[in-house]
Amino acid sequence: MKKILILISVLIILFSVSAYATDFTGTEYENIKIGLFFDSTAKKSVTLNSDSGFIVGYTTENLEFVEIAQLEQTELYVLIDDDGFLNVSGVYQNTLGYPLEFYSFDNIVKVNGSAYRGFIILKQTGSSFSVINEVNIEEYLYSVIGKEMSPSWHKEALKAQAICARTYAINNWKKYASKGFNLCATQLSQVYPGISNETASTIEAVEETRGQIVKYDGKIAQTFFYSSSGGKTANVKYVWGSNFPYLVSVDDTYEDEKESSSNWTVTLSKSDIEKKLKNAGVDIGSVTGIKIDKVDNGTVYEVIIKGTKGEYTLKNERTRTFLGLKSQYYTILESNTNEVSIKETANSFNGFIKGNALNLLESIDEEKETLSDFVESDTFTFSGHGWGHRIGMSQFGAKKMAESGFSAEEILTHYFPGTTVE
């Protein structure tokens, strides 16, 4: 970024990473801005720490860095003062209104005790301020990989996660542009807790894939990941309604269902479902039955709830989220009739029941035909597989593929068919 180039020479150390080359050096993707606290989590005060002291300044509209002060003190307390301005430990009042930037000589700044690489930006909006961490994108991934996947997993799985996460970050670069940063630090983007989740294995996985991204037909691909597919991934068309030729359903035979705990059951009573309908402002009277109406390779994408006053249809992801289920890969069992035998079983997630029942999807052909009968019962047990949206890369599947000898590139091209890693 231009503003980095014009910082005083002592700041060069802030952006030293490793000897590895990167495709993003000198590009808009070299450094990424992560919103740590903003909107409802915005701060009125914050404590910043640096073992090497601080350089405080701001960047003008012309991308010129203006240094305010070099401070030897290792702790700064920043707050909105009685005049309504950002005040830095009583030594500077930010009357100009520019976002304030806090650099350290060792490239590490702590925010309320949590350590982050790069530097910190405080952007005031009214009576509070956002806390933003600008950091080299590869160093950002050191932490993301350690939080999104177990650092103890096989290196090729970690490398696949690194490439997937890097591609996601670049593809969503402008997601929070209106707020002054690129991504947030939560699951709404990618979970980023800072240095605390870095390990030798996550750093190695990032460095060995430095700059690599997933592409389709020469363009950056949309990459997503989740815990477990349950044996089949989902077509994005039947989850989020979009259409990408590489975000289609593929069989996932590599997952270890016991290790991933991908099988689950959830039981809902009629009253449970009626409460959900009421909360959604829907009145179809008393619930009398539920029907899985449309399925794609195991992914339920249309469900009809029947009541005494009419019917209500759930489509795509709402067939999961409305009912509070773990995935869209499920069947419905009649849990209080003689037609289905339900027995208590152990489950590694919890004490949910599982049913030995006819798989209602066995009669569905590859053309996504409609199921004909409503399940009519006082309670409904949903017996399913997988955890999450099931679009793209299964993390437990990637783990097993890596342990079976597949490379990171082979893992990614399996879950994103037709893509390349470049």
Protein backbone atom coordinates (compact mmCIF):
# COMPACT_ATOMS: atom_id res chain seq x y z
CA MET A 1 0.00 0.00 0.00
CA LYS A 2 1.23 3.52 -0.81
CA LYS A 3 0.94 4.78 2.71
CA ILE A 4 3.34 2.10 3.95
CA LEU A 5 5.97 3.13 1.40
CA ILE A 6 6.13 6.65 2.73
CA LEU A 7 6.43 5.82 6.41
CA ILE A 8 9.70 6.76 8.05
CA SER A 9 12.40 4.14 7.58
CA VAL A 10 12.12 2.80 11.09
CA LEU A 11 8.68 1.40 10.18
CA ILE A 12 10.11 -0.92 7.52
CA ILE A 13 10.62 -3.54 10.20
CA LEU A 14 6.87 -3.63 10.75
CA PHE A 15 6.27 -5.29 7.43
CA SER A 16 9.15 -7.72 7.35
CA VAL A 17 7.74 -11.23 7.15
CA SER A 18 9.74 -14.12 5.78
CA ALA A 19 12.06 -14.78 2.89
CA TYR A 20 9.24 -16.41 0.95
CA ALA A 21 8.01 -14.61 -2.15
CA THR A 22 4.36 -13.70 -2.37
CA ASP A 23 2.09 -13.02 -5.31
CA PHE A 24 0.50 -10.16 -3.36
CA THR A 25 3.55 -8.02 -2.59
CA GLY A 26 2.86 -4.48 -3.75
CA THR A 27 -0.78 -5.23 -4.55
CA GLU A 28 -4.01 -4.22 -2.85
CA TYR A 29 -4.09 -7.68 -1.27
CA GLU A 30 -0.76 -7.42 0.55
CA ASN A 31 -2.32 -6.13 3.77
CA ILE A 32 -5.82 -6.88 5.01
CA LYS A 33 -7.92 -4.85 7.46
CA ILE A 34 -9.87 -6.85 10.04
CA GLY A 35 -12.66 -5.33 12.08
CA LEU A 36 -12.07 -6.50 15.65
CA PHE A 37 -14.75 -4.35 17.31
CA PHE A 38 -17.40 -2.31 15.50
CA ASP A 39 -21.10 -1.48 15.47
CA SER A 40 -22.62 -3.13 18.57
CA THR A 41 -19.17 -4.13 19.85
CA ALA A 42 -17.54 -0.72 19.21
CA LYS A 43 -15.52 0.66 22.12
CA LYS A 44 -15.57 3.81 24.20
CA SER A 45 -12.13 3.03 25.60
CA VAL A 46 -9.34 0.57 24.94
CA THR A 47 -5.92 -0.33 26.35
CA LEU A 48 -3.07 -0.82 23.88
CA ASN A 49 0.26 -2.43 24.79
CA SER A 50 3.55 -2.78 22.96
CA ASP A 51 6.83 -4.03 24.40
CA SER A 52 8.74 -1.71 22.04
CA GLY A 53 6.75 1.50 22.40
CA PHE A 54 4.53 3.20 19.83
CA ILE A 55 4.48 5.39 16.79
CA VAL A 56 1.12 7.16 16.58
CA GLY A 57 -0.17 8.90 13.48
CA TYR A 58 -2.80 9.06 10.79
CA THR A 59 -3.07 8.77 7.02
CA THR A 60 -4.47 11.69 5.03
CA GLU A 61 -6.83 11.50 2.10
CA ASN A 62 -3.75 11.73 -0.14
CA LEU A 63 -2.38 8.56 1.52
CA GLU A 64 0.35 10.52 3.26
CA PHE A 65 1.26 9.26 6.71
CA VAL A 66 1.51 11.99 9.33
CA GLU A 67 3.40 11.06 12.48
CA ILE A 68 1.98 12.54 15.65
CA ALA A 69 4.40 11.11 18.20
CA GLN A 70 6.89 8.40 19.04
CA LEU A 71 6.16 7.17 22.54
CA GLU A 72 8.46 5.09 24.70
CA GLN A 73 5.65 4.07 27.02
CA THR A 74 4.50 0.50 26.54
CA GLU A 75 0.87 1.08 27.47
CA LEU A 76 -1.63 3.56 26.07
CA TYR A 77 -5.17 4.19 27.23
CA VAL A 78 -7.40 5.59 24.49
CA LEU A 79 -10.92 6.83 25.15
CA ILE A 80 -13.61 9.22 23.99
CA ASP A 81 -13.00 12.23 26.23
CA ASP A 82 -15.47 14.76 27.62
CA ASP A 83 -15.05 16.90 24.48
CA GLY A 84 -16.12 13.95 22.31
CA PHE A 85 -12.69 13.31 20.75
CA LEU A 86 -10.35 10.32 20.78
CA ASN A 87 -7.82 11.02 23.51
CA VAL A 88 -4.52 9.10 23.73
CA SER A 89 -3.39 8.86 27.37
CA GLY A 90 -3.86 12.58 27.81
CA VAL A 91 -0.99 13.41 25.40
CA TYR A 92 -2.98 13.84 22.22
CA GLN A 93 -6.57 14.82 21.42
CA ASN A 94 -7.68 13.82 17.91
CA THR A 95 -9.56 16.97 16.92
CA LEU A 96 -8.85 16.43 13.20
CA GLY A 97 -11.03 13.32 13.17
CA TYR A 98 -8.76 11.06 11.10
CA PRO A 99 -8.63 7.39 12.16
CA LEU A 100 -5.63 7.04 14.48
CA GLU A 101 -2.96 4.42 13.72
CA PHE A 102 -0.79 2.74 16.36
CA TYR A 103 2.43 1.02 15.26
CA SER A 104 4.98 -0.83 17.32
CA PHE A 105 8.62 -1.41 16.42
CA ASP A 106 8.26 -5.18 16.81
CA ASN A 107 5.09 -5.48 14.68
CA ILE A 108 2.94 -6.65 17.63
CA VAL A 109 0.26 -4.63 19.41
CA LYS A 110 -2.00 -5.86 22.18
CA VAL A 111 -5.63 -4.76 22.32
CA ASN A 112 -7.12 -5.24 25.80
CA GLY A 113 -4.57 -8.02 26.32
CA SER A 114 -4.96 -9.85 22.98
CA ALA A 115 -1.90 -9.67 20.72
CA TYR A 116 -2.09 -8.94 16.99
CA ARG A 117 0.54 -8.61 14.29
CA GLY A 118 0.61 -5.48 12.15
CA PHE A 119 -0.87 -2.28 13.52
CA ILE A 120 -4.09 -1.01 15.05
CA ILE A 121 -6.48 1.62 13.68
CA LEU A 122 -9.07 3.36 15.84
CA LYS A 123 -11.88 4.88 13.78
CA GLN A 124 -14.32 7.09 15.66
CA THR A 125 -18.03 7.10 14.81
CA GLY A 126 -20.01 9.30 17.17
CA SER A 127 -19.51 8.42 20.80
CA SER A 128 -17.59 5.18 20.18
CA PHE A 129 -14.89 3.85 17.88
CA SER A 130 -14.14 0.78 15.78
CA VAL A 131 -10.95 -1.18 16.43
CA ILE A 132 -9.30 -2.41 13.23
CA ASN A 133 -6.19 -4.53 12.77
CA GLU A 134 -4.25 -4.04 9.53
CA VAL A 135 -1.94 -6.99 8.97
CA ASN A 136 -0.12 -8.78 6.17
CA ILE A 137 -2.59 -11.23 4.64
CA GLU A 138 -0.30 -14.23 5.17
CA GLU A 139 0.19 -13.35 8.84
CA TYR A 140 -3.57 -13.00 9.15
CA LEU A 141 -3.86 -16.58 7.90
CA TYR A 142 -1.39 -17.86 10.52
CA SER A 143 -4.14 -17.21 13.06
CA VAL A 144 -7.21 -18.08 10.97
CA ILE A 145 -5.92 -21.56 10.15
CA GLY A 146 -5.21 -22.28 13.80
CA LYS A 147 -8.77 -21.36 14.75
CA GLU A 148 -10.72 -22.83 11.84
CA MET A 149 -8.88 -26.19 11.83
CA SER A 150 -6.98 -28.13 14.47
CA PRO A 151 -3.25 -27.33 14.18
CA SER A 152 -2.52 -31.00 14.95
CA TRP A 153 -4.10 -32.20 11.71
CA HIS A 154 -2.10 -33.41 8.71
CA LYS A 155 -0.10 -30.71 6.96
CA GLU A 156 -1.85 -31.18 3.61
CA ALA A 157 -5.23 -30.58 5.26
CA LEU A 158 -3.86 -27.41 6.87
CA LYS A 159 -2.46 -26.30 3.52
CA ALA A 160 -5.84 -26.89 1.86
CA GLN A 161 -7.44 -24.80 4.61
CA ALA A 162 -4.88 -22.04 4.08
CA ILE A 163 -5.51 -21.85 0.34
CA CYS A 164 -9.26 -21.99 0.88
CA ALA A 165 -9.17 -19.25 3.53
CA ARG A 166 -6.86 -17.03 1.45
CA THR A 167 -9.16 -17.34 -1.56
CA TYR A 168 -12.19 -16.55 0.61
CA ALA A 169 -10.51 -13.43 2.00
CA ILE A 170 -9.66 -12.04 -1.42
CA ASN A 171 -13.09 -12.87 -2.83
CA ASN A 172 -14.75 -10.99 0.05
CA TRP A 173 -12.29 -8.10 0.11
CA LYS A 174 -14.96 -5.39 -0.04
CA LYS A 175 -17.50 -7.03 2.26
CA TYR A 176 -17.13 -4.34 4.95
CA ALA A 177 -15.75 -1.53 2.79
CA SER A 178 -18.37 0.92 4.06
CA LYS A 179 -17.06 0.40 7.61
CA GLY A 180 -13.41 0.94 6.73
CA PHE A 181 -12.13 -2.65 6.70
CA ASN A 182 -12.22 -5.85 4.64
CA LEU A 183 -13.42 -8.66 6.90
CA CYS A 184 -14.51 -9.06 10.50
CA ALA A 185 -12.89 -11.36 13.06
CA THR A 186 -15.87 -13.66 13.66
CA GLN A 187 -17.58 -16.57 11.91
CA LEU A 188 -19.41 -14.00 9.77
CA SER A 189 -16.11 -13.86 7.87
CA GLN A 190 -13.36 -16.11 9.19
CA VAL A 191 -12.54 -16.48 12.88
CA TYR A 192 -9.41 -14.47 13.67
CA PRO A 193 -8.26 -14.28 17.32
CA GLY A 194 -4.76 -12.96 16.61
CA ILE A 195 -1.39 -14.39 17.63
CA SER A 196 -2.83 -16.65 20.34
CA ASN A 197 -3.93 -19.21 17.74
CA GLU A 198 -0.74 -19.30 15.71
CA THR A 199 1.36 -22.47 15.85
CA ALA A 200 4.42 -23.73 14.03
CA SER A 201 2.20 -26.00 11.92
CA THR A 202 -0.21 -23.24 10.86
CA ILE A 203 2.63 -20.88 9.97
CA GLU A 204 4.29 -23.63 7.94
CA ALA A 205 1.05 -24.43 6.10
CA VAL A 206 0.58 -20.79 5.17
CA GLU A 207 4.19 -20.26 4.10
CA GLU A 208 4.24 -23.41 1.94
CA THR A 209 1.16 -22.15 0.09
CA ARG A 210 2.03 -18.43 0.18
CA GLY A 211 0.06 -16.56 -2.48
CA GLN A 212 -1.81 -19.63 -3.74
CA ILE A 213 -5.53 -19.31 -4.45
CA VAL A 214 -8.30 -21.39 -6.06
CA LYS A 215 -9.33 -20.36 -9.57
CA TYR A 216 -12.01 -21.42 -12.03
CA ASP A 217 -11.65 -20.55 -15.70
CA GLY A 218 -8.86 -18.13 -14.82
CA LYS A 219 -10.90 -16.21 -12.23
CA ILE A 220 -10.78 -16.31 -8.43
CA ALA A 221 -13.24 -18.94 -7.20
CA GLN A 222 -15.78 -18.65 -4.39
CA THR A 223 -14.48 -20.97 -1.66
CA PHE A 224 -16.37 -22.09 1.42
CA PHE A 225 -15.65 -24.63 4.14
CA TYR A 226 -17.49 -26.25 7.03
CA SER A 227 -17.10 -29.07 9.52
CA SER A 228 -18.68 -32.16 7.99
CA SER A 229 -20.66 -33.09 4.86
CA GLY A 230 -22.05 -36.36 6.21
CA GLY A 231 -21.07 -38.14 2.99
CA LYS A 232 -22.30 -35.69 0.33
CA THR A 233 -21.63 -32.01 -0.22
CA ALA A 234 -24.41 -29.63 -1.23
CA ASN A 235 -25.06 -27.75 -4.45
CA VAL A 236 -25.01 -24.02 -3.68
CA LYS A 237 -28.13 -23.59 -5.83
CA TYR A 238 -30.20 -25.47 -3.25
CA VAL A 239 -28.73 -23.70 -0.23
CA TRP A 240 -28.14 -20.04 -1.12
CA GLY A 241 -29.85 -19.92 -4.49
CA SER A 242 -26.76 -18.95 -6.48
CA ASN A 243 -25.21 -20.95 -9.30
CA PHE A 244 -21.52 -21.81 -9.68
CA PRO A 245 -20.30 -24.78 -11.76
CA TYR A 246 -17.72 -25.76 -9.11
CA LEU A 247 -20.05 -25.42 -6.08
CA VAL A 248 -22.02 -28.54 -6.88
CA SER A 249 -22.81 -31.68 -4.93
CA VAL A 250 -20.05 -34.28 -4.85
CA ASP A 251 -19.94 -37.58 -3.02
CA ASP A 252 -17.65 -37.35 -0.01
CA THR A 253 -16.54 -40.88 0.75
CA TYR A 254 -13.47 -39.84 2.71
CA GLU A 255 -15.04 -38.60 5.93
CA ASP A 256 -14.90 -40.81 8.98
CA GLU A 257 -18.43 -40.42 10.35
CA LYS A 258 -17.42 -41.55 13.83
CA GLU A 259 -14.56 -39.08 14.03
CA SER A 260 -16.61 -36.21 12.62
CA SER A 261 -19.75 -37.16 14.56
CA SER A 262 -21.68 -36.35 11.41
CA ASN A 263 -24.84 -38.34 12.20
CA TRP A 264 -27.50 -36.60 14.28
CA THR A 265 -31.16 -36.60 15.21
CA VAL A 266 -33.44 -33.81 16.38
CA THR A 267 -37.02 -34.32 17.58
CA LEU A 268 -39.62 -31.54 17.36
CA SER A 269 -43.17 -31.67 18.62
CA LYS A 270 -46.13 -30.08 16.85
CA SER A 271 -46.06 -27.27 19.41
CA ASP A 272 -42.35 -26.69 18.75
CA ILE A 273 -43.05 -26.18 15.06
CA GLU A 274 -46.13 -24.05 15.76
CA LYS A 275 -43.97 -21.74 17.91
CA LYS A 276 -41.46 -21.39 15.09
CA LEU A 277 -44.28 -20.52 12.69
CA LYS A 278 -45.73 -17.98 15.11
CA ASN A 279 -42.32 -16.35 15.56
CA ALA A 280 -42.12 -16.04 11.77
CA GLY A 281 -45.56 -14.44 11.63
CA VAL A 282 -47.13 -17.44 9.89
CA ASP A 283 -50.58 -18.78 10.77
CA ILE A 284 -51.58 -22.10 9.22
CA GLY A 285 -53.50 -23.28 12.26
CA SER A 286 -52.54 -26.45 14.09
CA VAL A 287 -49.74 -28.41 12.44
CA THR A 288 -50.92 -31.73 11.00
CA GLY A 289 -47.94 -32.93 8.98
CA ILE A 290 -44.60 -32.26 7.32
CA LYS A 291 -43.40 -33.33 3.89
CA ILE A 292 -39.93 -33.31 2.35
CA ASP A 293 -40.90 -32.18 -1.12
CA LYS A 294 -37.66 -31.73 -3.06
CA VAL A 295 -34.17 -33.21 -2.68
CA ASP A 296 -30.89 -32.94 -4.57
CA ASN A 297 -28.38 -35.75 -3.93
CA GLY A 298 -29.51 -35.96 -0.31
CA THR A 299 -29.84 -32.20 0.23
CA VAL A 300 -33.38 -31.26 1.22
CA TYR A 301 -34.32 -27.99 -0.46
CA GLU A 302 -38.08 -27.82 -0.13
CA VAL A 303 -40.24 -28.77 2.86
CA ILE A 304 -43.99 -28.26 3.21
CA ILE A 305 -45.59 -27.85 6.63
CA LYS A 306 -49.32 -28.58 6.59
CA GLY A 307 -51.80 -27.11 9.05
CA THR A 308 -55.53 -26.97 9.59
CA LYS A 309 -55.66 -23.58 7.82
CA GLY A 310 -53.22 -24.17 4.99
CA GLU A 311 -49.59 -24.92 4.14
CA TYR A 312 -46.25 -23.18 4.54
CA THR A 313 -43.24 -23.93 2.33
CA LEU A 314 -39.59 -23.75 3.36
CA LYS A 315 -37.00 -23.50 0.60
CA ASN A 316 -33.25 -23.90 0.33
CA GLU A 317 -31.30 -23.04 3.52
CA ARG A 318 -34.51 -22.31 5.47
CA THR A 319 -35.26 -26.05 5.43
CA ARG A 320 -32.40 -26.20 7.94
CA THR A 321 -32.33 -22.85 9.72
CA PHE A 322 -36.09 -22.48 10.28
CA LEU A 323 -36.30 -25.92 11.89
CA GLY A 324 -33.02 -25.50 13.82
CA LEU A 325 -31.29 -28.47 12.19
CA LYS A 326 -27.57 -29.10 11.73
CA SER A 327 -27.68 -29.56 7.96
CA GLN A 328 -29.99 -29.96 4.98
CA TYR A 329 -29.11 -33.64 4.60
CA TYR A 330 -31.87 -35.43 6.50
CA THR A 331 -35.02 -37.56 6.49
CA ILE A 332 -38.11 -37.35 8.71
CA LEU A 333 -39.11 -40.21 10.97
CA GLU A 334 -42.51 -40.72 12.58
CA SER A 335 -41.32 -40.98 16.14
CA ASN A 336 -44.55 -41.79 18.00
CA THR A 337 -46.25 -44.38 15.81
CA ASN A 338 -45.88 -48.12 15.27
CA GLU A 339 -44.61 -47.54 11.74
CA VAL A 340 -41.11 -46.67 12.90
CA SER A 341 -39.03 -48.17 15.67
CA ILE A 342 -37.03 -45.62 17.63
CA LYS A 343 -34.37 -46.62 20.10
CA GLU A 344 -32.04 -44.74 22.38
CA THR A 345 -28.43 -44.80 21.19
CA ALA A 346 -25.22 -43.09 22.19
CA ASN A 347 -24.16 -40.14 20.15
CA SER A 348 -20.75 -38.49 20.42
CA PHE A 349 -22.33 -35.05 20.21
CA ASN A 350 -25.00 -35.53 22.85
CA GLY A 351 -27.89 -37.74 23.92
CA PHE A 352 -30.04 -37.29 20.82
CA ILE A 353 -32.07 -40.33 19.75
CA LYS A 354 -31.51 -42.13 16.49
CA GLY A 355 -34.11 -44.07 14.54
CA ASN A 356 -34.00 -47.29 12.58
CA ALA A 357 -36.39 -46.21 9.86
CA LEU A 358 -36.97 -46.51 6.17
CA ASN A 359 -34.86 -43.87 4.44
CA LEU A 360 -37.50 -41.77 2.77
CA LEU A 361 -34.97 -40.61 0.20
CA GLU A 362 -34.23 -44.04 -1.26
CA SER A 363 -37.07 -43.68 -3.73
CA ILE A 364 -35.81 -40.33 -5.01
CA ASP A 365 -34.10 -40.53 -8.40
CA GLU A 366 -31.32 -38.30 -9.67
CA GLU A 367 -33.81 -35.83 -11.16
CA LYS A 368 -34.94 -34.52 -7.77
CA GLU A 369 -38.48 -35.89 -7.89
CA THR A 370 -41.14 -34.83 -5.40
CA LEU A 371 -41.86 -36.91 -2.30
CA SER A 372 -45.53 -37.81 -2.22
CA ASP A 373 -46.61 -38.32 1.39
CA PHE A 374 -46.80 -36.10 4.44
CA VAL A 375 -45.44 -37.47 7.70
CA GLU A 376 -48.38 -37.00 10.09
CA SER A 377 -47.54 -37.38 13.76
CA ASP A 378 -47.53 -35.60 17.12
CA THR A 379 -43.73 -35.41 17.04
CA PHE A 380 -41.23 -35.47 14.20
CA THR A 381 -37.70 -36.82 14.38
CA PHE A 382 -35.26 -35.48 11.82
CA SER A 383 -32.46 -37.96 11.18
CA GLY A 384 -29.55 -36.32 9.40
CA HIS A 385 -25.92 -36.19 8.43
CA GLY A 386 -23.28 -33.48 8.31
CA TRP A 387 -22.77 -30.18 10.08
CA GLY A 388 -23.06 -26.77 8.45
CA HIS A 389 -24.00 -25.49 5.01
CA ARG A 390 -22.06 -28.33 3.29
CA ILE A 391 -20.94 -26.11 0.39
CA GLY A 392 -17.37 -26.63 -0.74
CA MET A 393 -14.70 -28.21 1.47
CA SER A 394 -15.51 -30.53 4.33
CA GLN A 395 -12.81 -30.06 6.95
CA PHE A 396 -13.12 -33.60 8.30
CA GLY A 397 -13.12 -34.86 4.72
CA ALA A 398 -9.95 -32.87 4.01
CA LYS A 399 -8.35 -34.36 7.10
CA LYS A 400 -9.07 -37.91 5.99
CA MET A 401 -7.98 -37.24 2.41
CA ALA A 402 -4.69 -35.81 3.66
CA GLU A 403 -4.12 -38.84 5.88
CA SER A 404 -4.83 -41.04 2.84
CA GLY A 405 -2.04 -39.42 0.84
CA PHE A 406 -3.86 -36.70 -1.10
CA SER A 407 -2.18 -33.32 -1.57
CA ALA A 408 -3.76 -30.00 -0.68
CA GLU A 409 -4.37 -29.31 -4.37
CA GLU A 410 -6.06 -32.70 -4.84
CA ILE A 411 -8.26 -32.07 -1.81
CA LEU A 412 -9.40 -28.70 -3.13
CA THR A 413 -10.04 -29.85 -6.69
CA HIS A 414 -12.16 -32.70 -5.30
CA TYR A 415 -14.41 -30.36 -3.32
CA PHE A 416 -14.35 -27.63 -5.98
CA PRO A 417 -14.51 -29.68 -9.22
CA GLY A 418 -13.08 -28.04 -12.32
CA THR A 419 -10.91 -25.58 -10.38
CA THR A 420 -7.14 -25.16 -10.26
CA VAL A 421 -4.76 -24.01 -7.54
CA GLU A 422 -2.41 -21.27 -8.73
